[in-house]
């Protein structure tokens, strides 16, 4: 009986030691409204699924296709915290907030800039690989990927919203 009581106490203590916070904390990037619509048959003629590694960024001023201004941002659109990038990976259309999670977690607003398949933060230097379909950090400075947004492809339009 004595051993059974000791075993129960041991298992209880082991359970307490093995507990960790498993609640979802979300992203360090603050939640801002997101609503972006891209008409692939209108201005964005090169933005089809077959055009791997192409991207469109959206901020308060412009839609930019692969870094070139193509359309002013309508006042009805919302572009998240640091702007939105819609990227064509081998998995389809992926959308992320360009706010750097590492800098946002430290109280700095630093939008990443696109360089090929990477979104790079000019403040901390972290680069996020968009080609893999997850926007994972590459240098090891950040522990978070870029905040991901939901993309819906209907007809000829890509609609980006919060998840």
N, C-alpha and C. Protein backbone atom coordinates (compact mmCIF):
# COMPACT_ATOMS: atom_id res chain seq x y z
N UNK A 1 0.82 -1.18 0.00
CA UNK A 1 0.00 0.00 0.00
C UNK A 1 0.87 1.26 0.00
N UNK A 2 1.96 1.17 0.77
CA UNK A 2 2.88 2.29 0.87
C UNK A 2 3.49 2.61 -0.49
N UNK A 3 3.85 1.57 -1.22
CA UNK A 3 4.46 1.77 -2.54
C UNK A 3 3.46 2.33 -3.54
N UNK A 4 2.23 1.92 -3.41
CA UNK A 4 1.18 2.43 -4.30
C UNK A 4 0.96 3.92 -4.07
N UNK A 5 0.96 4.34 -2.82
CA UNK A 5 0.80 5.76 -2.51
C UNK A 5 2.00 6.55 -3.03
N UNK A 6 3.19 6.04 -2.87
CA UNK A 6 4.39 6.71 -3.38
C UNK A 6 4.36 6.78 -4.91
N UNK A 7 3.88 5.72 -5.55
CA UNK A 7 3.78 5.71 -7.00
C UNK A 7 2.78 6.76 -7.49
N UNK A 8 1.66 6.87 -6.81
CA UNK A 8 0.65 7.87 -7.18
C UNK A 8 1.21 9.28 -7.01
N UNK A 9 1.90 9.53 -5.93
CA UNK A 9 2.51 10.85 -5.69
C UNK A 9 3.58 11.12 -6.76
N UNK A 10 4.37 10.12 -7.08
CA UNK A 10 5.41 10.29 -8.09
C UNK A 10 4.81 10.61 -9.47
N UNK A 11 3.77 9.87 -9.84
CA UNK A 11 3.12 10.13 -11.13
C UNK A 11 2.49 11.52 -11.14
N UNK A 12 1.89 11.93 -10.04
CA UNK A 12 1.30 13.28 -9.95
C UNK A 12 2.38 14.35 -10.11
N UNK A 13 3.49 14.20 -9.42
CA UNK A 13 4.58 15.18 -9.54
C UNK A 13 5.18 15.18 -10.94
N UNK A 14 5.30 14.01 -11.52
CA UNK A 14 5.82 13.92 -12.88
C UNK A 14 4.89 14.62 -13.86
N UNK A 15 3.59 14.49 -13.66
CA UNK A 15 2.60 15.16 -14.50
C UNK A 15 2.73 16.67 -14.37
N UNK A 16 2.91 17.16 -13.16
CA UNK A 16 3.07 18.60 -12.97
C UNK A 16 4.33 19.13 -13.65
N UNK A 17 5.40 18.39 -13.57
CA UNK A 17 6.66 18.82 -14.19
C UNK A 17 6.58 18.78 -15.71
N UNK A 18 5.77 17.89 -16.23
CA UNK A 18 5.66 17.75 -17.69
C UNK A 18 4.71 18.74 -18.34
N UNK A 19 4.00 19.51 -17.52
CA UNK A 19 3.05 20.45 -18.10
C UNK A 19 3.77 21.68 -18.64
N UNK A 20 3.31 22.13 -19.74
CA UNK A 20 3.81 23.38 -20.31
C UNK A 20 2.64 24.12 -20.91
N UNK A 21 2.85 25.38 -21.16
CA UNK A 21 1.77 26.19 -21.70
C UNK A 21 1.54 25.79 -23.15
N UNK A 22 0.39 25.20 -23.40
CA UNK A 22 0.09 24.76 -24.75
C UNK A 22 -0.96 25.64 -25.42
N UNK A 23 -1.33 26.74 -24.77
CA UNK A 23 -2.32 27.63 -25.38
C UNK A 23 -1.70 28.35 -26.57
N UNK A 24 -2.53 28.65 -27.54
CA UNK A 24 -2.06 29.33 -28.75
C UNK A 24 -1.94 30.82 -28.48
N UNK A 25 -0.76 31.36 -28.68
CA UNK A 25 -0.52 32.78 -28.43
C UNK A 25 -0.67 33.61 -29.69
N UNK A 26 -0.78 32.97 -30.83
CA UNK A 26 -0.89 33.72 -32.07
C UNK A 26 0.45 34.31 -32.49
N UNK A 27 0.37 35.30 -33.29
CA UNK A 27 1.57 35.94 -33.83
C UNK A 27 1.94 37.16 -32.99
N UNK A 28 3.19 37.52 -33.02
CA UNK A 28 3.65 38.77 -32.39
C UNK A 28 3.18 39.97 -33.20
N UNK A 29 2.82 39.74 -34.44
CA UNK A 29 2.32 40.82 -35.30
C UNK A 29 0.88 41.11 -34.88
N UNK A 30 0.57 42.36 -34.54
CA UNK A 30 -0.80 42.70 -34.13
C UNK A 30 -1.82 42.40 -35.23
N UNK A 31 -3.05 42.13 -34.82
CA UNK A 31 -4.12 41.85 -35.76
C UNK A 31 -4.69 43.16 -36.29
N UNK A 32 -4.64 43.30 -37.58
CA UNK A 32 -5.20 44.45 -38.28
C UNK A 32 -6.14 43.92 -39.36
N UNK A 33 -7.11 44.72 -39.80
CA UNK A 33 -8.03 44.25 -40.85
C UNK A 33 -7.29 43.94 -42.15
N UNK A 34 -7.77 42.90 -42.83
CA UNK A 34 -7.19 42.51 -44.12
C UNK A 34 -8.32 42.23 -45.09
N UNK A 35 -8.26 42.88 -46.23
CA UNK A 35 -9.22 42.62 -47.32
C UNK A 35 -8.57 43.10 -48.61
N UNK A 36 -8.05 42.16 -49.37
CA UNK A 36 -7.36 42.45 -50.61
C UNK A 36 -8.01 41.62 -51.71
N UNK A 37 -8.30 42.25 -52.83
CA UNK A 37 -8.86 41.54 -53.98
C UNK A 37 -7.95 41.75 -55.18
N UNK A 38 -7.53 40.67 -55.78
CA UNK A 38 -6.65 40.72 -56.96
C UNK A 38 -7.38 40.08 -58.12
N UNK A 39 -7.61 40.88 -59.15
CA UNK A 39 -8.25 40.38 -60.36
C UNK A 39 -7.15 39.93 -61.32
N UNK A 40 -6.98 38.63 -61.47
CA UNK A 40 -5.89 38.10 -62.28
C UNK A 40 -6.09 38.32 -63.77
N UNK A 41 -7.29 38.65 -64.18
CA UNK A 41 -7.55 38.88 -65.61
C UNK A 41 -7.50 40.36 -65.99
N UNK A 42 -7.42 41.23 -65.01
CA UNK A 42 -7.42 42.67 -65.30
C UNK A 42 -5.97 43.17 -65.41
N UNK A 43 -5.51 43.86 -64.40
CA UNK A 43 -4.18 44.47 -64.44
C UNK A 43 -3.08 43.44 -64.26
N UNK A 44 -3.33 42.44 -63.44
CA UNK A 44 -2.28 41.49 -63.07
C UNK A 44 -2.21 40.34 -64.07
N UNK A 45 -1.83 40.63 -65.29
CA UNK A 45 -1.86 39.63 -66.34
C UNK A 45 -0.84 38.52 -66.14
N UNK A 46 0.24 38.79 -65.43
CA UNK A 46 1.26 37.77 -65.21
C UNK A 46 1.05 36.99 -63.92
N UNK A 47 -0.05 37.26 -63.23
CA UNK A 47 -0.23 36.66 -61.91
C UNK A 47 -1.14 35.44 -61.98
N UNK A 48 -0.67 34.42 -62.68
CA UNK A 48 -1.40 33.16 -62.78
C UNK A 48 -0.63 32.09 -62.05
N UNK A 49 -1.30 31.03 -61.67
CA UNK A 49 -0.68 29.96 -60.87
C UNK A 49 0.55 29.35 -61.52
N UNK A 50 0.63 29.43 -62.83
CA UNK A 50 1.77 28.84 -63.53
C UNK A 50 3.04 29.68 -63.36
N UNK A 51 2.89 30.91 -62.92
CA UNK A 51 4.02 31.82 -62.79
C UNK A 51 4.60 31.71 -61.37
N UNK A 52 5.28 30.60 -61.09
CA UNK A 52 5.85 30.35 -59.76
C UNK A 52 6.78 31.47 -59.34
N UNK A 53 6.78 31.73 -58.03
CA UNK A 53 7.63 32.73 -57.39
C UNK A 53 7.28 34.17 -57.73
N UNK A 54 6.18 34.40 -58.45
CA UNK A 54 5.72 35.77 -58.67
C UNK A 54 5.00 36.22 -57.40
N UNK A 55 4.96 37.50 -57.18
CA UNK A 55 4.29 38.00 -55.99
C UNK A 55 3.70 39.38 -56.24
N UNK A 56 2.71 39.70 -55.44
CA UNK A 56 2.10 41.03 -55.42
C UNK A 56 2.12 41.49 -53.97
N UNK A 57 2.62 42.70 -53.74
CA UNK A 57 2.56 43.28 -52.41
C UNK A 57 1.53 44.40 -52.42
N UNK A 58 0.88 44.58 -51.28
CA UNK A 58 -0.14 45.62 -51.14
C UNK A 58 0.16 46.38 -49.85
N UNK A 59 0.22 47.69 -49.96
CA UNK A 59 0.34 48.52 -48.77
C UNK A 59 -0.64 49.67 -48.90
N UNK A 60 -0.50 50.69 -48.07
CA UNK A 60 -1.47 51.79 -48.07
C UNK A 60 -1.46 52.59 -49.36
N UNK A 61 -0.44 52.44 -50.19
CA UNK A 61 -0.31 53.25 -51.39
C UNK A 61 -0.55 52.49 -52.70
N UNK A 62 0.07 51.32 -52.84
CA UNK A 62 0.10 50.65 -54.15
C UNK A 62 -0.04 49.15 -54.06
N UNK A 63 -0.58 48.58 -55.13
CA UNK A 63 -0.39 47.18 -55.46
C UNK A 63 0.88 47.15 -56.29
N UNK A 64 1.83 46.30 -55.91
CA UNK A 64 3.08 46.19 -56.65
C UNK A 64 3.25 44.75 -57.11
N UNK A 65 3.45 44.56 -58.40
CA UNK A 65 3.68 43.22 -58.94
C UNK A 65 5.17 43.06 -59.16
N UNK A 66 5.76 42.11 -58.41
CA UNK A 66 7.20 41.86 -58.46
C UNK A 66 8.00 43.15 -58.30
N UNK A 67 7.54 44.02 -57.40
CA UNK A 67 8.26 45.24 -57.07
C UNK A 67 7.90 46.47 -57.89
N UNK A 68 7.06 46.34 -58.89
CA UNK A 68 6.70 47.49 -59.74
C UNK A 68 5.26 47.93 -59.45
N UNK A 69 5.07 49.23 -59.28
CA UNK A 69 3.72 49.77 -59.03
C UNK A 69 2.82 49.46 -60.21
N UNK A 70 1.66 48.86 -59.93
CA UNK A 70 0.73 48.55 -61.02
C UNK A 70 -0.66 49.13 -60.80
N UNK A 71 -1.04 49.43 -59.54
CA UNK A 71 -2.39 49.91 -59.28
C UNK A 71 -2.42 50.59 -57.91
N UNK A 72 -2.98 51.81 -57.83
CA UNK A 72 -3.14 52.43 -56.50
C UNK A 72 -4.08 51.60 -55.64
N UNK A 73 -3.83 51.59 -54.35
CA UNK A 73 -4.66 50.82 -53.43
C UNK A 73 -5.99 51.53 -53.19
N UNK A 74 -7.12 50.88 -53.46
CA UNK A 74 -8.42 51.51 -53.19
C UNK A 74 -8.64 51.70 -51.69
N UNK A 75 -9.41 52.70 -51.32
CA UNK A 75 -9.67 52.96 -49.91
C UNK A 75 -10.49 51.84 -49.27
N UNK A 76 -11.13 51.01 -50.05
CA UNK A 76 -11.93 49.91 -49.51
C UNK A 76 -11.07 48.73 -49.09
N UNK A 77 -9.83 48.68 -49.53
CA UNK A 77 -8.94 47.57 -49.16
C UNK A 77 -8.32 47.80 -47.78
N UNK A 78 -7.96 46.73 -47.12
CA UNK A 78 -7.24 46.77 -45.86
C UNK A 78 -6.03 45.87 -46.01
N UNK A 79 -4.89 46.29 -45.58
CA UNK A 79 -3.63 45.61 -45.91
C UNK A 79 -2.85 45.13 -44.69
N UNK A 80 -3.53 44.88 -43.58
CA UNK A 80 -2.87 44.29 -42.42
C UNK A 80 -1.96 45.25 -41.69
N UNK A 81 -1.01 44.71 -41.00
CA UNK A 81 -0.09 45.48 -40.14
C UNK A 81 1.06 46.09 -40.93
N UNK A 82 1.74 45.28 -41.70
CA UNK A 82 2.92 45.75 -42.43
C UNK A 82 2.77 45.68 -43.93
N UNK A 83 1.55 45.46 -44.40
CA UNK A 83 1.33 45.23 -45.82
C UNK A 83 1.11 43.75 -46.04
N UNK A 84 0.63 43.40 -47.21
CA UNK A 84 0.33 42.01 -47.53
C UNK A 84 1.13 41.61 -48.75
N UNK A 85 1.64 40.38 -48.73
CA UNK A 85 2.23 39.81 -49.93
C UNK A 85 1.42 38.58 -50.31
N UNK A 86 1.06 38.52 -51.59
CA UNK A 86 0.42 37.32 -52.14
C UNK A 86 1.46 36.70 -53.04
N UNK A 87 1.83 35.48 -52.75
CA UNK A 87 2.96 34.80 -53.38
C UNK A 87 2.47 33.53 -54.05
N UNK A 88 3.00 33.25 -55.23
CA UNK A 88 2.64 32.00 -55.91
C UNK A 88 3.73 30.97 -55.62
N UNK A 89 3.40 30.01 -54.78
CA UNK A 89 4.32 28.92 -54.49
C UNK A 89 3.85 27.67 -55.23
N UNK A 90 4.55 26.58 -55.06
CA UNK A 90 4.12 25.34 -55.73
C UNK A 90 2.82 24.83 -55.14
N UNK A 91 2.37 25.40 -54.02
CA UNK A 91 1.13 25.00 -53.39
C UNK A 91 -0.05 25.87 -53.81
N UNK A 92 0.21 26.92 -54.59
CA UNK A 92 -0.86 27.83 -55.02
C UNK A 92 -0.59 29.24 -54.53
N UNK A 93 -1.66 29.97 -54.27
CA UNK A 93 -1.56 31.35 -53.79
C UNK A 93 -1.45 31.36 -52.27
N UNK A 94 -0.39 31.95 -51.75
CA UNK A 94 -0.19 32.09 -50.32
C UNK A 94 -0.16 33.58 -49.98
N UNK A 95 -0.72 33.96 -48.84
CA UNK A 95 -0.73 35.37 -48.45
C UNK A 95 -0.21 35.51 -47.02
N UNK A 96 0.61 36.53 -46.81
CA UNK A 96 1.22 36.77 -45.50
C UNK A 96 1.25 38.26 -45.21
N UNK A 97 1.28 38.59 -43.92
CA UNK A 97 1.52 39.96 -43.50
C UNK A 97 3.02 40.21 -43.59
N UNK A 98 3.41 41.36 -44.10
CA UNK A 98 4.83 41.68 -44.24
C UNK A 98 5.44 42.27 -42.97
N UNK A 99 4.65 42.37 -41.89
CA UNK A 99 5.21 42.82 -40.62
C UNK A 99 6.13 41.77 -40.05
N UNK A 100 7.34 42.15 -39.67
CA UNK A 100 8.31 41.20 -39.12
C UNK A 100 7.90 40.81 -37.69
N UNK A 101 7.64 39.53 -37.43
CA UNK A 101 7.23 39.09 -36.09
C UNK A 101 8.30 39.33 -35.03
N UNK A 102 9.57 39.18 -35.42
CA UNK A 102 10.66 39.38 -34.46
C UNK A 102 10.68 40.83 -33.97
N UNK A 103 10.58 41.77 -34.89
CA UNK A 103 10.59 43.18 -34.52
C UNK A 103 9.29 43.59 -33.83
N UNK A 104 8.16 43.07 -34.29
CA UNK A 104 6.88 43.39 -33.67
C UNK A 104 6.84 42.94 -32.22
N UNK A 105 7.46 41.80 -31.93
CA UNK A 105 7.53 41.30 -30.56
C UNK A 105 8.37 42.17 -29.65
N UNK A 106 9.17 43.04 -30.23
CA UNK A 106 10.02 43.96 -29.48
C UNK A 106 9.54 45.41 -29.57
N UNK A 107 8.31 45.57 -30.10
CA UNK A 107 7.70 46.88 -30.13
C UNK A 107 8.07 47.74 -31.32
N UNK A 108 8.66 47.15 -32.36
CA UNK A 108 9.04 47.92 -33.55
C UNK A 108 8.18 47.49 -34.74
N UNK A 109 7.73 48.46 -35.51
CA UNK A 109 6.98 48.13 -36.74
C UNK A 109 7.97 48.17 -37.89
N UNK A 110 8.24 47.01 -38.44
CA UNK A 110 9.21 46.92 -39.52
C UNK A 110 8.66 46.03 -40.63
N UNK A 111 8.12 46.64 -41.70
CA UNK A 111 7.64 45.83 -42.82
C UNK A 111 8.80 45.20 -43.58
N UNK A 112 8.65 43.94 -43.93
CA UNK A 112 9.66 43.24 -44.72
C UNK A 112 9.59 43.71 -46.17
N UNK A 113 10.70 43.58 -46.85
CA UNK A 113 10.79 43.91 -48.27
C UNK A 113 11.06 42.63 -49.03
N UNK A 114 10.46 42.50 -50.19
CA UNK A 114 10.61 41.29 -50.99
C UNK A 114 11.90 41.32 -51.79
N UNK A 115 12.63 40.22 -51.73
CA UNK A 115 13.84 40.00 -52.53
C UNK A 115 13.79 38.56 -53.04
N UNK A 116 13.28 38.39 -54.24
CA UNK A 116 13.14 37.04 -54.80
C UNK A 116 12.11 36.26 -54.01
N UNK A 117 12.51 35.10 -53.49
CA UNK A 117 11.58 34.27 -52.73
C UNK A 117 11.60 34.60 -51.24
N UNK A 118 12.34 35.63 -50.84
CA UNK A 118 12.49 35.98 -49.43
C UNK A 118 11.84 37.32 -49.11
N UNK A 119 11.19 37.38 -47.95
CA UNK A 119 10.74 38.64 -47.37
C UNK A 119 11.77 38.97 -46.30
N UNK A 120 12.50 40.06 -46.48
CA UNK A 120 13.59 40.41 -45.58
C UNK A 120 13.26 41.65 -44.77
N UNK A 121 13.53 41.58 -43.48
CA UNK A 121 13.30 42.71 -42.59
C UNK A 121 14.51 43.65 -42.65
N UNK A 122 14.30 44.91 -43.00
CA UNK A 122 15.43 45.84 -43.07
C UNK A 122 15.97 46.22 -41.70
N UNK A 123 15.19 46.01 -40.64
CA UNK A 123 15.63 46.41 -39.31
C UNK A 123 16.49 45.34 -38.63
N UNK A 124 16.01 44.10 -38.60
CA UNK A 124 16.75 43.04 -37.89
C UNK A 124 17.53 42.12 -38.82
N UNK A 125 17.18 42.12 -40.12
CA UNK A 125 17.91 41.28 -41.07
C UNK A 125 17.35 39.88 -41.24
N UNK A 126 16.29 39.52 -40.52
CA UNK A 126 15.69 38.19 -40.69
C UNK A 126 15.10 38.07 -42.09
N UNK A 127 15.25 36.89 -42.68
CA UNK A 127 14.68 36.60 -43.99
C UNK A 127 13.70 35.44 -43.84
N UNK A 128 12.55 35.58 -44.48
CA UNK A 128 11.50 34.57 -44.41
C UNK A 128 11.34 33.95 -45.80
N UNK A 129 11.43 32.63 -45.87
CA UNK A 129 11.38 31.89 -47.13
C UNK A 129 9.94 31.63 -47.53
N UNK A 130 9.47 32.33 -48.56
CA UNK A 130 8.10 32.16 -49.01
C UNK A 130 7.97 31.00 -49.98
N UNK A 131 9.05 30.55 -50.57
CA UNK A 131 9.03 29.46 -51.54
C UNK A 131 8.60 28.14 -50.96
N UNK A 132 8.76 27.96 -49.66
CA UNK A 132 8.41 26.69 -49.02
C UNK A 132 6.93 26.57 -48.71
N UNK A 133 6.18 27.67 -48.84
CA UNK A 133 4.75 27.64 -48.57
C UNK A 133 4.38 27.95 -47.14
N UNK A 134 5.36 28.35 -46.30
CA UNK A 134 5.07 28.65 -44.90
C UNK A 134 5.68 29.95 -44.40
N UNK A 135 6.51 30.62 -45.16
CA UNK A 135 7.18 31.87 -44.76
C UNK A 135 7.98 31.70 -43.48
N UNK A 136 8.78 30.65 -43.44
CA UNK A 136 9.58 30.34 -42.26
C UNK A 136 10.84 31.21 -42.19
N UNK A 137 11.29 31.57 -40.97
CA UNK A 137 12.52 32.35 -40.84
C UNK A 137 13.72 31.50 -41.23
N UNK A 138 14.74 32.13 -41.80
CA UNK A 138 15.89 31.38 -42.29
C UNK A 138 17.17 31.60 -41.49
N UNK A 139 17.30 32.74 -40.83
CA UNK A 139 18.57 33.01 -40.14
C UNK A 139 18.57 32.54 -38.69
N UNK A 140 17.40 32.20 -38.16
CA UNK A 140 17.32 31.72 -36.79
C UNK A 140 17.09 32.81 -35.76
N UNK A 141 17.00 34.04 -36.19
CA UNK A 141 16.76 35.14 -35.27
C UNK A 141 15.32 35.09 -34.75
N UNK A 142 14.37 34.91 -35.65
CA UNK A 142 12.96 34.85 -35.29
C UNK A 142 12.54 33.41 -35.02
N UNK A 143 11.59 33.25 -34.14
CA UNK A 143 11.03 31.92 -33.85
C UNK A 143 9.66 31.74 -34.49
N UNK A 144 9.19 32.77 -35.20
CA UNK A 144 7.86 32.71 -35.81
C UNK A 144 7.94 32.91 -37.31
N UNK A 145 7.00 32.30 -37.99
CA UNK A 145 6.83 32.56 -39.42
C UNK A 145 6.03 33.85 -39.57
N UNK A 146 5.96 34.36 -40.78
CA UNK A 146 5.10 35.51 -41.04
C UNK A 146 3.66 35.13 -40.78
N UNK A 147 2.84 36.10 -40.36
CA UNK A 147 1.42 35.85 -40.13
C UNK A 147 0.76 35.47 -41.45
N UNK A 148 0.08 34.35 -41.47
CA UNK A 148 -0.54 33.84 -42.69
C UNK A 148 -1.98 34.32 -42.79
N UNK A 149 -2.40 34.61 -44.01
CA UNK A 149 -3.77 35.01 -44.27
C UNK A 149 -4.44 33.98 -45.17
N UNK A 150 -5.76 34.00 -45.16
CA UNK A 150 -6.55 33.07 -45.96
C UNK A 150 -6.68 33.62 -47.38
N UNK A 151 -6.44 32.76 -48.37
CA UNK A 151 -6.65 33.15 -49.76
C UNK A 151 -7.76 32.29 -50.34
N UNK A 152 -8.66 32.95 -51.05
CA UNK A 152 -9.75 32.26 -51.73
C UNK A 152 -9.67 32.62 -53.21
N UNK A 153 -9.63 31.62 -54.06
CA UNK A 153 -9.55 31.85 -55.50
C UNK A 153 -10.90 31.49 -56.09
N UNK A 154 -11.61 32.51 -56.60
CA UNK A 154 -12.91 32.27 -57.21
C UNK A 154 -12.92 32.91 -58.58
N UNK A 155 -13.13 32.10 -59.58
CA UNK A 155 -13.13 32.60 -60.95
C UNK A 155 -11.77 33.16 -61.32
N UNK A 156 -11.70 34.46 -61.48
CA UNK A 156 -10.45 35.11 -61.81
C UNK A 156 -9.93 35.99 -60.69
N UNK A 157 -10.52 35.90 -59.50
CA UNK A 157 -10.15 36.77 -58.40
C UNK A 157 -9.56 36.02 -57.23
N UNK A 158 -8.54 36.62 -56.65
CA UNK A 158 -7.95 36.12 -55.41
C UNK A 158 -8.40 37.07 -54.32
N UNK A 159 -9.01 36.53 -53.29
CA UNK A 159 -9.46 37.36 -52.18
C UNK A 159 -8.68 36.94 -50.93
N UNK A 160 -8.05 37.92 -50.30
CA UNK A 160 -7.24 37.68 -49.11
C UNK A 160 -7.95 38.27 -47.90
N UNK A 161 -8.15 37.44 -46.88
CA UNK A 161 -8.79 37.87 -45.64
C UNK A 161 -8.06 37.23 -44.47
N UNK A 162 -8.45 37.62 -43.25
CA UNK A 162 -7.88 36.98 -42.08
C UNK A 162 -8.43 35.57 -41.97
N UNK A 163 -7.68 34.72 -41.31
CA UNK A 163 -8.09 33.31 -41.15
C UNK A 163 -9.28 33.17 -40.26
